[in-house]
Amino acid sequence: MVFRRVLREAEETNFTEFKYKHKLGLSKSYISQGNTDKAIGILEKSLSEFAPEHPSLKHKIIFY
């Protein structure tokens, strides 16, 4: 019951850092499946979407 509430709250949040981390995790999943083109596309889009608001992410994504 508590898990569902926490999950719902996480889904409803609008924190861009969480959205970025979600995209990073999604990219990791595509890499593990061997679909690197899709992963790179997501990472590139994430960089352009989130780096202006969080400049430190640019460093993290480049060294990922």
Protein backbone atom coordinates (compact mmCIF):
# COMPACT_ATOMS: atom_id res chain seq x y z
CA MET A 1 0.00 0.00 0.00
CA VAL A 2 2.73 2.45 0.98
CA PHE A 3 4.79 1.40 -2.03
CA ARG A 4 1.94 2.28 -4.40
CA ARG A 5 1.55 5.72 -2.83
CA VAL A 6 5.29 6.40 -3.05
CA LEU A 7 5.36 5.16 -6.64
CA ARG A 8 2.42 7.38 -7.58
CA GLU A 9 4.07 10.40 -5.95
CA ALA A 10 7.29 9.69 -7.82
CA GLU A 11 5.42 9.47 -11.12
CA GLU A 12 3.61 12.74 -10.46
CA THR A 13 6.71 14.72 -9.50
CA ASN A 14 7.97 17.37 -11.83
CA PHE A 15 11.60 17.48 -10.71
CA THR A 16 13.80 17.63 -13.77
CA GLU A 17 16.64 15.79 -12.02
CA PHE A 18 14.38 12.76 -11.56
CA LYS A 19 13.32 12.96 -15.20
CA TYR A 20 16.97 13.09 -16.23
CA LYS A 21 17.83 10.07 -14.07
CA HIS A 22 14.89 8.19 -15.57
CA LYS A 23 16.20 8.89 -19.08
CA LEU A 24 19.66 7.79 -18.02
CA GLY A 25 18.26 4.52 -16.68
CA LEU A 26 16.27 4.01 -19.86
CA SER A 27 19.44 4.53 -21.88
CA LYS A 28 21.27 1.97 -19.76
CA SER A 29 18.48 -0.52 -20.48
CA TYR A 30 18.82 0.03 -24.22
CA ILE A 31 22.60 -0.38 -23.98
CA SER A 32 22.19 -3.68 -22.15
CA GLN A 33 19.89 -4.84 -24.96
CA GLY A 34 22.51 -3.86 -27.53
CA ASN A 35 20.43 -1.01 -28.92
CA THR A 36 23.12 1.65 -28.61
CA ASP A 37 21.68 3.89 -31.33
CA LYS A 38 18.47 4.31 -29.33
CA ALA A 39 20.45 4.89 -26.13
CA ILE A 40 22.61 7.56 -27.77
CA GLY A 41 19.53 9.29 -29.13
CA ILE A 42 17.97 9.44 -25.67
CA LEU A 43 21.22 10.69 -24.12
CA GLU A 44 21.65 13.39 -26.75
CA LYS A 45 18.08 14.57 -26.30
CA SER A 46 18.49 14.51 -22.52
CA LEU A 47 21.65 16.56 -22.73
CA SER A 48 19.98 19.28 -24.76
CA GLU A 49 16.85 19.20 -22.57
CA PHE A 50 18.38 19.13 -19.10
CA ALA A 51 21.88 20.65 -19.34
CA PRO A 52 20.71 24.29 -19.60
CA GLU A 53 18.87 23.96 -16.28
CA HIS A 54 21.48 21.70 -14.65
CA PRO A 55 24.92 22.44 -16.15
CA SER A 56 26.59 19.80 -13.97
CA LEU A 57 24.63 17.11 -15.85
CA LYS A 58 26.61 17.85 -18.98
CA HIS A 59 29.72 16.61 -17.23
CA LYS A 60 27.94 13.52 -15.92
CA ILE A 61 26.50 12.50 -19.28
CA ILE A 62 29.80 12.98 -21.14
CA PHE A 63 31.68 10.78 -18.68
CA TYR A 64 28.93 8.20 -18.44
